[in-house]
Amino acid sequence: MTAQDAMILFTKYLRSMERWIEQARANAAERKFDPEVLVEARLAPDQYELVRQVQAACDAAKFGAAKLAGVEPPSHPDTEKTIEELKARIHTCLAYLETLTDADFAGSEERHCSHAGMRGKWMRGADYAREWAVPNFLFHVIHTYAILRHNGVPLTKIDFLAPLALER
C-alpha cells in the first residue's frame, strides 16, 4: 500500500465519520433526545467511548500520514466534549492531511516508520501503511460507526462504504 492510498482512505473515512455524526444529530432530533449523550456512548465497558474513538481515528490518520511523510505531526489535545467539537477535530485533521503533498511522500515505501508500541522496532513505510497505520485507523472508524449504529442511528452498509469510485 502506498502512502497516497493510505491518504485516500484517511480522508474518505474522516469525511464519512463527519456525515455519520450529522446523521446521529438528526436522528436524535427526530427521536427527541440530546445528541450529546452519544459523545460518551461505548460498546463495552473496556472500550473507548465515541469521543475517544473519534480522537483516536484522527490521531491514527495524522500520525500515520506524518510518519509516512517523515515529518512531525501536529499536537492536538484531547479536549473535545461535544458533537461540534468532534466535528472540529475531524476538520482539523483533514486540514492537516491537506497540507501534505505527493512530494512529501517521495521514498515513503522504504522510509523507516515506528510507533511507541513497536518497542524500538520499525517497519518499511509500505508495510507500516498496510499493516499498522490503515488498520489502526479503520479500527477506530469502525468502532465509531458501531457505537452510533448500536445507539439507533440508522446507518447502513452503504453509509460505511460510500462514496464509491463508481464509473460508467
N, C-alpha and C. Protein backbone atom coordinates (compact mmCIF):
# COMPACT_ATOMS: atom_id res chain seq x y z
N MET A 1 0.85 -1.18 0.00
CA MET A 1 0.00 0.00 0.00
C MET A 1 0.89 1.24 0.00
N THR A 2 0.55 2.17 -0.83
CA THR A 2 1.33 3.40 -0.90
C THR A 2 0.81 4.41 0.12
N ALA A 3 1.63 5.40 0.38
CA ALA A 3 1.20 6.49 1.26
C ALA A 3 0.00 7.20 0.66
N GLN A 4 -0.01 7.36 -0.64
CA GLN A 4 -1.15 8.02 -1.29
C GLN A 4 -2.44 7.22 -1.11
N ASP A 5 -2.33 5.88 -1.17
CA ASP A 5 -3.51 5.03 -0.92
C ASP A 5 -4.01 5.24 0.51
N ALA A 6 -3.08 5.27 1.45
CA ALA A 6 -3.45 5.49 2.85
C ALA A 6 -4.13 6.85 3.00
N MET A 7 -3.60 7.86 2.36
CA MET A 7 -4.18 9.20 2.45
C MET A 7 -5.61 9.23 1.91
N ILE A 8 -5.85 8.51 0.83
CA ILE A 8 -7.20 8.43 0.26
C ILE A 8 -8.16 7.84 1.29
N LEU A 9 -7.73 6.76 1.96
CA LEU A 9 -8.58 6.13 2.97
C LEU A 9 -8.77 7.03 4.18
N PHE A 10 -7.70 7.66 4.65
CA PHE A 10 -7.82 8.56 5.79
C PHE A 10 -8.84 9.65 5.50
N THR A 11 -8.72 10.27 4.37
CA THR A 11 -9.59 11.39 4.01
C THR A 11 -11.03 10.92 3.82
N LYS A 12 -11.21 9.83 3.08
CA LYS A 12 -12.55 9.32 2.82
C LYS A 12 -13.29 9.01 4.12
N TYR A 13 -12.64 8.28 5.01
CA TYR A 13 -13.35 7.84 6.21
C TYR A 13 -13.47 8.93 7.27
N LEU A 14 -12.59 9.89 7.30
CA LEU A 14 -12.80 11.03 8.19
C LEU A 14 -14.04 11.80 7.75
N ARG A 15 -14.19 11.98 6.45
CA ARG A 15 -15.39 12.68 5.93
C ARG A 15 -16.65 11.85 6.20
N SER A 16 -16.53 10.53 6.09
CA SER A 16 -17.67 9.66 6.40
C SER A 16 -18.05 9.79 7.87
N MET A 17 -17.06 9.81 8.75
CA MET A 17 -17.35 9.96 10.18
C MET A 17 -18.11 11.25 10.45
N GLU A 18 -17.73 12.30 9.76
CA GLU A 18 -18.44 13.56 9.93
C GLU A 18 -19.90 13.42 9.50
N ARG A 19 -20.13 12.73 8.39
CA ARG A 19 -21.52 12.52 7.93
C ARG A 19 -22.30 11.68 8.95
N TRP A 20 -21.67 10.64 9.50
CA TRP A 20 -22.37 9.80 10.47
C TRP A 20 -22.76 10.61 11.71
N ILE A 21 -21.86 11.50 12.13
CA ILE A 21 -22.15 12.33 13.29
C ILE A 21 -23.33 13.25 13.00
N GLU A 22 -23.39 13.77 11.78
CA GLU A 22 -24.54 14.60 11.40
C GLU A 22 -25.82 13.76 11.37
N GLN A 23 -25.72 12.53 10.86
CA GLN A 23 -26.89 11.65 10.86
C GLN A 23 -27.33 11.36 12.30
N ALA A 24 -26.37 11.20 13.19
CA ALA A 24 -26.69 10.95 14.60
C ALA A 24 -27.43 12.14 15.20
N ARG A 25 -26.97 13.33 14.87
CA ARG A 25 -27.63 14.54 15.39
C ARG A 25 -29.07 14.61 14.88
N ALA A 26 -29.25 14.36 13.59
CA ALA A 26 -30.60 14.40 13.01
C ALA A 26 -31.49 13.32 13.62
N ASN A 27 -30.93 12.15 13.83
CA ASN A 27 -31.69 11.05 14.42
C ASN A 27 -32.09 11.39 15.85
N ALA A 28 -31.20 12.01 16.59
CA ALA A 28 -31.51 12.41 17.96
C ALA A 28 -32.65 13.42 17.98
N ALA A 29 -32.62 14.37 17.05
CA ALA A 29 -33.69 15.36 16.98
C ALA A 29 -35.02 14.67 16.66
N GLU A 30 -34.98 13.74 15.74
CA GLU A 30 -36.19 13.01 15.35
C GLU A 30 -36.73 12.18 16.52
N ARG A 31 -35.83 11.58 17.29
CA ARG A 31 -36.24 10.73 18.42
C ARG A 31 -36.37 11.53 19.72
N LYS A 32 -36.10 12.83 19.63
CA LYS A 32 -36.28 13.76 20.75
C LYS A 32 -35.39 13.44 21.96
N PHE A 33 -34.08 13.29 21.69
CA PHE A 33 -33.13 13.19 22.80
C PHE A 33 -31.91 14.03 22.48
N ASP A 34 -31.17 14.37 23.49
CA ASP A 34 -29.99 15.21 23.35
C ASP A 34 -28.87 14.40 22.69
N PRO A 35 -28.41 14.80 21.50
CA PRO A 35 -27.37 14.03 20.82
C PRO A 35 -26.04 14.01 21.58
N GLU A 36 -25.88 14.93 22.52
CA GLU A 36 -24.62 14.98 23.27
C GLU A 36 -24.41 13.73 24.14
N VAL A 37 -25.50 13.01 24.44
CA VAL A 37 -25.32 11.78 25.23
C VAL A 37 -24.51 10.74 24.46
N LEU A 38 -24.52 10.85 23.13
CA LEU A 38 -23.77 9.90 22.30
C LEU A 38 -22.26 10.06 22.46
N VAL A 39 -21.82 11.24 22.84
CA VAL A 39 -20.38 11.50 22.97
C VAL A 39 -19.73 10.52 23.94
N GLU A 40 -20.46 10.15 24.97
CA GLU A 40 -19.92 9.23 25.98
C GLU A 40 -20.35 7.77 25.76
N ALA A 41 -21.08 7.49 24.69
CA ALA A 41 -21.55 6.14 24.43
C ALA A 41 -20.38 5.23 24.05
N ARG A 42 -20.51 3.97 24.43
CA ARG A 42 -19.48 2.97 24.11
C ARG A 42 -20.16 1.62 23.90
N LEU A 43 -19.44 0.70 23.28
CA LEU A 43 -19.98 -0.64 23.03
C LEU A 43 -19.81 -1.56 24.23
N ALA A 44 -18.73 -1.40 24.95
CA ALA A 44 -18.43 -2.27 26.09
C ALA A 44 -17.68 -1.44 27.13
N PRO A 45 -17.77 -1.84 28.38
CA PRO A 45 -17.12 -1.06 29.45
C PRO A 45 -15.62 -0.87 29.28
N ASP A 46 -14.96 -1.80 28.63
CA ASP A 46 -13.50 -1.69 28.49
C ASP A 46 -13.06 -1.11 27.14
N GLN A 47 -14.00 -0.55 26.39
CA GLN A 47 -13.66 0.07 25.11
C GLN A 47 -13.83 1.58 25.21
N TYR A 48 -13.15 2.27 24.30
CA TYR A 48 -13.26 3.72 24.25
C TYR A 48 -14.69 4.15 23.94
N GLU A 49 -15.07 5.29 24.50
CA GLU A 49 -16.34 5.90 24.18
C GLU A 49 -16.22 6.63 22.83
N LEU A 50 -17.34 7.09 22.30
CA LEU A 50 -17.36 7.72 20.97
C LEU A 50 -16.33 8.83 20.86
N VAL A 51 -16.27 9.72 21.84
CA VAL A 51 -15.34 10.84 21.75
C VAL A 51 -13.90 10.34 21.57
N ARG A 52 -13.53 9.32 22.32
CA ARG A 52 -12.16 8.82 22.23
C ARG A 52 -11.94 8.05 20.93
N GLN A 53 -12.95 7.39 20.40
CA GLN A 53 -12.82 6.70 19.11
C GLN A 53 -12.54 7.72 18.01
N VAL A 54 -13.27 8.84 18.02
CA VAL A 54 -13.05 9.88 17.01
C VAL A 54 -11.66 10.48 17.17
N GLN A 55 -11.27 10.78 18.39
CA GLN A 55 -9.92 11.32 18.64
C GLN A 55 -8.86 10.34 18.15
N ALA A 56 -9.03 9.06 18.47
CA ALA A 56 -8.05 8.05 18.09
C ALA A 56 -7.98 7.88 16.57
N ALA A 57 -9.12 7.93 15.90
CA ALA A 57 -9.12 7.83 14.43
C ALA A 57 -8.37 9.01 13.83
N CYS A 58 -8.65 10.20 14.34
CA CYS A 58 -7.95 11.40 13.84
C CYS A 58 -6.45 11.28 14.11
N ASP A 59 -6.08 10.86 15.30
CA ASP A 59 -4.66 10.70 15.63
C ASP A 59 -3.99 9.65 14.74
N ALA A 60 -4.68 8.54 14.52
CA ALA A 60 -4.10 7.48 13.68
C ALA A 60 -3.86 8.01 12.27
N ALA A 61 -4.78 8.79 11.74
CA ALA A 61 -4.62 9.35 10.39
C ALA A 61 -3.45 10.34 10.35
N LYS A 62 -3.41 11.27 11.29
CA LYS A 62 -2.35 12.29 11.23
C LYS A 62 -0.99 11.68 11.55
N PHE A 63 -0.91 10.77 12.53
CA PHE A 63 0.38 10.14 12.84
C PHE A 63 0.84 9.25 11.70
N GLY A 64 -0.08 8.49 11.13
CA GLY A 64 0.27 7.63 10.01
C GLY A 64 0.79 8.43 8.83
N ALA A 65 0.08 9.48 8.49
CA ALA A 65 0.49 10.33 7.36
C ALA A 65 1.82 11.00 7.65
N ALA A 66 1.99 11.52 8.86
CA ALA A 66 3.24 12.20 9.21
C ALA A 66 4.43 11.25 9.16
N LYS A 67 4.26 10.06 9.70
CA LYS A 67 5.37 9.09 9.68
C LYS A 67 5.72 8.71 8.25
N LEU A 68 4.72 8.52 7.41
CA LEU A 68 4.98 8.18 6.01
C LEU A 68 5.65 9.34 5.27
N ALA A 69 5.36 10.56 5.69
CA ALA A 69 5.97 11.74 5.07
C ALA A 69 7.32 12.08 5.71
N GLY A 70 7.63 11.44 6.83
CA GLY A 70 8.89 11.72 7.50
C GLY A 70 8.91 13.06 8.22
N VAL A 71 7.74 13.50 8.70
CA VAL A 71 7.64 14.79 9.39
C VAL A 71 6.99 14.58 10.76
N GLU A 72 7.12 15.59 11.60
CA GLU A 72 6.47 15.55 12.91
C GLU A 72 5.00 15.94 12.76
N PRO A 73 4.11 15.18 13.37
CA PRO A 73 2.69 15.56 13.30
C PRO A 73 2.39 16.69 14.27
N PRO A 74 1.33 17.42 13.99
CA PRO A 74 0.92 18.45 14.95
C PRO A 74 0.33 17.80 16.21
N SER A 75 0.34 18.54 17.28
CA SER A 75 -0.25 18.07 18.53
C SER A 75 -1.66 18.62 18.65
N HIS A 76 -2.59 17.75 19.00
CA HIS A 76 -3.97 18.16 19.22
C HIS A 76 -4.40 17.59 20.57
N PRO A 77 -4.60 18.43 21.57
CA PRO A 77 -5.02 17.92 22.88
C PRO A 77 -6.41 17.29 22.78
N ASP A 78 -6.64 16.28 23.58
CA ASP A 78 -7.92 15.57 23.59
C ASP A 78 -8.88 16.25 24.55
N THR A 79 -9.46 17.35 24.10
CA THR A 79 -10.33 18.15 24.96
C THR A 79 -11.79 18.16 24.51
N GLU A 80 -12.10 17.46 23.45
CA GLU A 80 -13.46 17.50 22.89
C GLU A 80 -14.47 16.90 23.87
N LYS A 81 -15.61 17.57 23.97
CA LYS A 81 -16.68 17.11 24.86
C LYS A 81 -18.06 17.17 24.21
N THR A 82 -18.14 17.73 22.99
CA THR A 82 -19.44 17.90 22.33
C THR A 82 -19.36 17.40 20.89
N ILE A 83 -20.53 17.22 20.31
CA ILE A 83 -20.62 16.83 18.90
C ILE A 83 -19.90 17.85 18.02
N GLU A 84 -20.13 19.13 18.26
CA GLU A 84 -19.48 20.17 17.45
C GLU A 84 -17.97 20.11 17.59
N GLU A 85 -17.48 19.85 18.78
CA GLU A 85 -16.04 19.75 18.98
C GLU A 85 -15.46 18.52 18.28
N LEU A 86 -16.23 17.44 18.23
CA LEU A 86 -15.77 16.26 17.47
C LEU A 86 -15.67 16.58 15.99
N LYS A 87 -16.66 17.29 15.48
CA LYS A 87 -16.61 17.69 14.07
C LYS A 87 -15.41 18.61 13.82
N ALA A 88 -15.15 19.52 14.74
CA ALA A 88 -14.00 20.41 14.59
C ALA A 88 -12.69 19.62 14.60
N ARG A 89 -12.62 18.58 15.43
CA ARG A 89 -11.41 17.74 15.49
C ARG A 89 -11.20 17.07 14.13
N ILE A 90 -12.26 16.56 13.55
CA ILE A 90 -12.17 15.93 12.23
C ILE A 90 -11.71 16.96 11.20
N HIS A 91 -12.26 18.15 11.23
CA HIS A 91 -11.87 19.21 10.29
C HIS A 91 -10.41 19.58 10.45
N THR A 92 -9.93 19.65 11.69
CA THR A 92 -8.53 19.97 11.96
C THR A 92 -7.62 18.90 11.37
N CYS A 93 -8.01 17.65 11.54
CA CYS A 93 -7.22 16.55 10.99
C CYS A 93 -7.22 16.59 9.47
N LEU A 94 -8.38 16.79 8.87
CA LEU A 94 -8.45 16.88 7.41
C LEU A 94 -7.61 18.04 6.88
N ALA A 95 -7.66 19.17 7.57
CA ALA A 95 -6.86 20.32 7.16
C ALA A 95 -5.37 19.99 7.21
N TYR A 96 -4.94 19.27 8.23
CA TYR A 96 -3.53 18.87 8.30
C TYR A 96 -3.18 17.94 7.13
N LEU A 97 -4.02 16.94 6.89
CA LEU A 97 -3.74 15.99 5.80
C LEU A 97 -3.62 16.73 4.47
N GLU A 98 -4.42 17.77 4.27
CA GLU A 98 -4.39 18.53 3.01
C GLU A 98 -3.09 19.30 2.82
N THR A 99 -2.32 19.49 3.90
CA THR A 99 -1.04 20.20 3.76
C THR A 99 0.04 19.29 3.18
N LEU A 100 -0.16 17.99 3.23
CA LEU A 100 0.84 17.04 2.74
C LEU A 100 0.65 16.81 1.25
N THR A 101 1.74 16.81 0.52
CA THR A 101 1.69 16.65 -0.93
C THR A 101 2.36 15.34 -1.35
N ASP A 102 2.18 14.97 -2.59
CA ASP A 102 2.85 13.77 -3.11
C ASP A 102 4.35 13.86 -2.91
N ALA A 103 4.91 15.05 -3.06
CA ALA A 103 6.37 15.22 -2.87
C ALA A 103 6.78 14.86 -1.44
N ASP A 104 5.91 15.11 -0.46
CA ASP A 104 6.22 14.77 0.93
C ASP A 104 6.35 13.26 1.12
N PHE A 105 5.70 12.49 0.25
CA PHE A 105 5.72 11.04 0.39
C PHE A 105 6.75 10.35 -0.50
N ALA A 106 7.58 11.14 -1.18
CA ALA A 106 8.63 10.55 -2.03
C ALA A 106 9.52 9.66 -1.15
N GLY A 107 9.68 8.42 -1.55
CA GLY A 107 10.51 7.48 -0.81
C GLY A 107 9.84 6.87 0.40
N SER A 108 8.56 7.13 0.57
CA SER A 108 7.88 6.65 1.78
C SER A 108 7.79 5.13 1.87
N GLU A 109 7.79 4.45 0.74
CA GLU A 109 7.68 2.99 0.76
C GLU A 109 8.84 2.35 1.53
N GLU A 110 10.01 2.97 1.48
CA GLU A 110 11.20 2.44 2.15
C GLU A 110 11.54 3.17 3.45
N ARG A 111 10.82 4.23 3.76
CA ARG A 111 11.10 5.02 4.97
C ARG A 111 10.92 4.13 6.20
N HIS A 112 11.76 4.30 7.20
CA HIS A 112 11.63 3.57 8.46
C HIS A 112 10.55 4.24 9.29
N CYS A 113 9.50 3.51 9.60
CA CYS A 113 8.39 4.04 10.39
C CYS A 113 8.27 3.22 11.66
N SER A 114 8.07 3.91 12.76
CA SER A 114 7.97 3.25 14.05
C SER A 114 6.86 3.89 14.87
N HIS A 115 6.51 3.22 15.93
CA HIS A 115 5.49 3.69 16.85
C HIS A 115 5.92 3.23 18.23
N ALA A 116 5.52 3.95 19.25
CA ALA A 116 5.93 3.60 20.62
C ALA A 116 5.58 2.14 20.94
N GLY A 117 4.47 1.66 20.45
CA GLY A 117 4.05 0.29 20.71
C GLY A 117 4.92 -0.76 20.04
N MET A 118 5.80 -0.34 19.16
CA MET A 118 6.69 -1.28 18.46
C MET A 118 7.99 -1.53 19.24
N ARG A 119 8.12 -0.87 20.37
CA ARG A 119 9.24 -1.09 21.30
C ARG A 119 10.61 -1.03 20.63
N GLY A 120 10.86 0.06 19.92
CA GLY A 120 12.17 0.27 19.31
C GLY A 120 12.35 -0.37 17.95
N LYS A 121 11.38 -1.13 17.48
CA LYS A 121 11.47 -1.75 16.15
C LYS A 121 10.81 -0.82 15.14
N TRP A 122 10.99 -1.10 13.88
CA TRP A 122 10.42 -0.26 12.83
C TRP A 122 9.93 -1.14 11.69
N MET A 123 9.21 -0.51 10.78
CA MET A 123 8.69 -1.18 9.58
C MET A 123 9.01 -0.30 8.37
N ARG A 124 9.16 -0.94 7.22
CA ARG A 124 9.23 -0.19 5.96
C ARG A 124 7.90 0.54 5.79
N GLY A 125 7.95 1.72 5.19
CA GLY A 125 6.76 2.54 5.03
C GLY A 125 5.59 1.83 4.39
N ALA A 126 5.84 1.06 3.34
CA ALA A 126 4.74 0.35 2.67
C ALA A 126 4.09 -0.65 3.61
N ASP A 127 4.91 -1.35 4.40
CA ASP A 127 4.38 -2.30 5.38
C ASP A 127 3.67 -1.57 6.51
N TYR A 128 4.25 -0.47 6.94
CA TYR A 128 3.66 0.34 8.00
C TYR A 128 2.26 0.82 7.59
N ALA A 129 2.13 1.31 6.38
CA ALA A 129 0.82 1.78 5.90
C ALA A 129 -0.18 0.63 5.88
N ARG A 130 0.23 -0.51 5.32
CA ARG A 130 -0.67 -1.65 5.13
C ARG A 130 -0.98 -2.39 6.43
N GLU A 131 0.00 -2.54 7.32
CA GLU A 131 -0.16 -3.40 8.49
C GLU A 131 -0.42 -2.64 9.80
N TRP A 132 -0.11 -1.35 9.83
CA TRP A 132 -0.28 -0.61 11.08
C TRP A 132 -1.17 0.62 10.92
N ALA A 133 -0.76 1.56 10.09
CA ALA A 133 -1.43 2.86 10.04
C ALA A 133 -2.89 2.73 9.60
N VAL A 134 -3.14 2.09 8.48
CA VAL A 134 -4.51 1.99 7.98
C VAL A 134 -5.37 1.07 8.85
N PRO A 135 -4.90 -0.13 9.24
CA PRO A 135 -5.74 -0.94 10.11
C PRO A 135 -6.06 -0.28 11.46
N ASN A 136 -5.08 0.39 12.06
CA ASN A 136 -5.32 1.08 13.33
C ASN A 136 -6.37 2.17 13.14
N PHE A 137 -6.22 2.94 12.09
CA PHE A 137 -7.20 3.98 11.77
C PHE A 137 -8.59 3.38 11.59
N LEU A 138 -8.70 2.35 10.75
CA LEU A 138 -10.00 1.74 10.47
C LEU A 138 -10.63 1.10 11.71
N PHE A 139 -9.81 0.58 12.61
CA PHE A 139 -10.32 0.02 13.86
C PHE A 139 -11.18 1.07 14.58
N HIS A 140 -10.67 2.28 14.70
CA HIS A 140 -11.39 3.33 15.41
C HIS A 140 -12.55 3.88 14.59
N VAL A 141 -12.41 3.92 13.28
CA VAL A 141 -13.51 4.34 12.42
C VAL A 141 -14.67 3.36 12.55
N ILE A 142 -14.37 2.08 12.50
CA ILE A 142 -15.41 1.04 12.59
C ILE A 142 -16.11 1.11 13.94
N HIS A 143 -15.36 1.35 15.00
CA HIS A 143 -15.99 1.47 16.31
C HIS A 143 -16.86 2.72 16.41
N THR A 144 -16.46 3.79 15.77
CA THR A 144 -17.30 4.99 15.72
C THR A 144 -18.63 4.65 15.06
N TYR A 145 -18.56 4.00 13.91
CA TYR A 145 -19.77 3.57 13.20
C TYR A 145 -20.62 2.67 14.09
N ALA A 146 -19.98 1.68 14.71
CA ALA A 146 -20.71 0.69 15.52
C ALA A 146 -21.38 1.32 16.74
N ILE A 147 -20.71 2.26 17.38
CA ILE A 147 -21.32 2.93 18.54
C ILE A 147 -22.57 3.68 18.11
N LEU A 148 -22.48 4.41 17.01
CA LEU A 148 -23.64 5.15 16.54
C LEU A 148 -24.77 4.20 16.13
N ARG A 149 -24.42 3.15 15.41
CA ARG A 149 -25.42 2.17 14.97
C ARG A 149 -26.07 1.49 16.17
N HIS A 150 -25.25 1.12 17.14
CA HIS A 150 -25.75 0.46 18.35
C HIS A 150 -26.74 1.36 19.11
N ASN A 151 -26.55 2.66 18.99
CA ASN A 151 -27.42 3.61 19.67
C ASN A 151 -28.59 4.07 18.82
N GLY A 152 -28.87 3.32 17.76
CA GLY A 152 -30.08 3.55 16.99
C GLY A 152 -29.96 4.47 15.80
N VAL A 153 -28.77 4.97 15.52
CA VAL A 153 -28.61 5.81 14.33
C VAL A 153 -28.77 4.89 13.12
N PRO A 154 -29.68 5.19 12.21
CA PRO A 154 -29.98 4.27 11.11
C PRO A 154 -28.93 4.31 9.99
N LEU A 155 -27.71 3.96 10.35
CA LEU A 155 -26.63 3.86 9.36
C LEU A 155 -26.72 2.51 8.67
N THR A 156 -26.34 2.48 7.40
CA THR A 156 -26.36 1.24 6.64
C THR A 156 -24.95 0.90 6.15
N LYS A 157 -24.83 -0.23 5.54
CA LYS A 157 -23.54 -0.63 4.98
C LYS A 157 -23.06 0.38 3.95
N ILE A 158 -23.98 0.91 3.15
CA ILE A 158 -23.58 1.88 2.13
C ILE A 158 -23.11 3.18 2.78
N ASP A 159 -23.66 3.53 3.97
CA ASP A 159 -23.15 4.70 4.70
C ASP A 159 -21.69 4.48 5.07
N PHE A 160 -21.33 3.24 5.37
CA PHE A 160 -19.94 2.94 5.70
C PHE A 160 -19.07 2.96 4.44
N LEU A 161 -19.54 2.36 3.37
CA LEU A 161 -18.73 2.21 2.16
C LEU A 161 -18.65 3.47 1.30
N ALA A 162 -19.70 4.27 1.32
CA ALA A 162 -19.77 5.43 0.41
C ALA A 162 -18.83 6.54 0.84
N PRO A 163 -18.43 7.38 -0.07
CA PRO A 163 -18.72 7.30 -1.51
C PRO A 163 -17.83 6.29 -2.20
N LEU A 164 -18.35 5.69 -3.23
CA LEU A 164 -17.61 4.71 -4.02
C LEU A 164 -17.09 5.34 -5.30
N ALA A 165 -15.97 4.85 -5.78
CA ALA A 165 -15.39 5.36 -7.02
C ALA A 165 -16.00 4.64 -8.22
N LEU A 166 -17.31 4.84 -8.38
CA LEU A 166 -18.04 4.18 -9.47
C LEU A 166 -17.79 4.88 -10.79
N GLU A 167 -17.77 4.12 -11.84
CA GLU A 167 -17.61 4.66 -13.19
C GLU A 167 -18.72 4.13 -14.08
N ARG A 168 -18.99 4.86 -15.15
CA ARG A 168 -19.98 4.40 -16.15
C ARG A 168 -19.27 3.80 -17.31
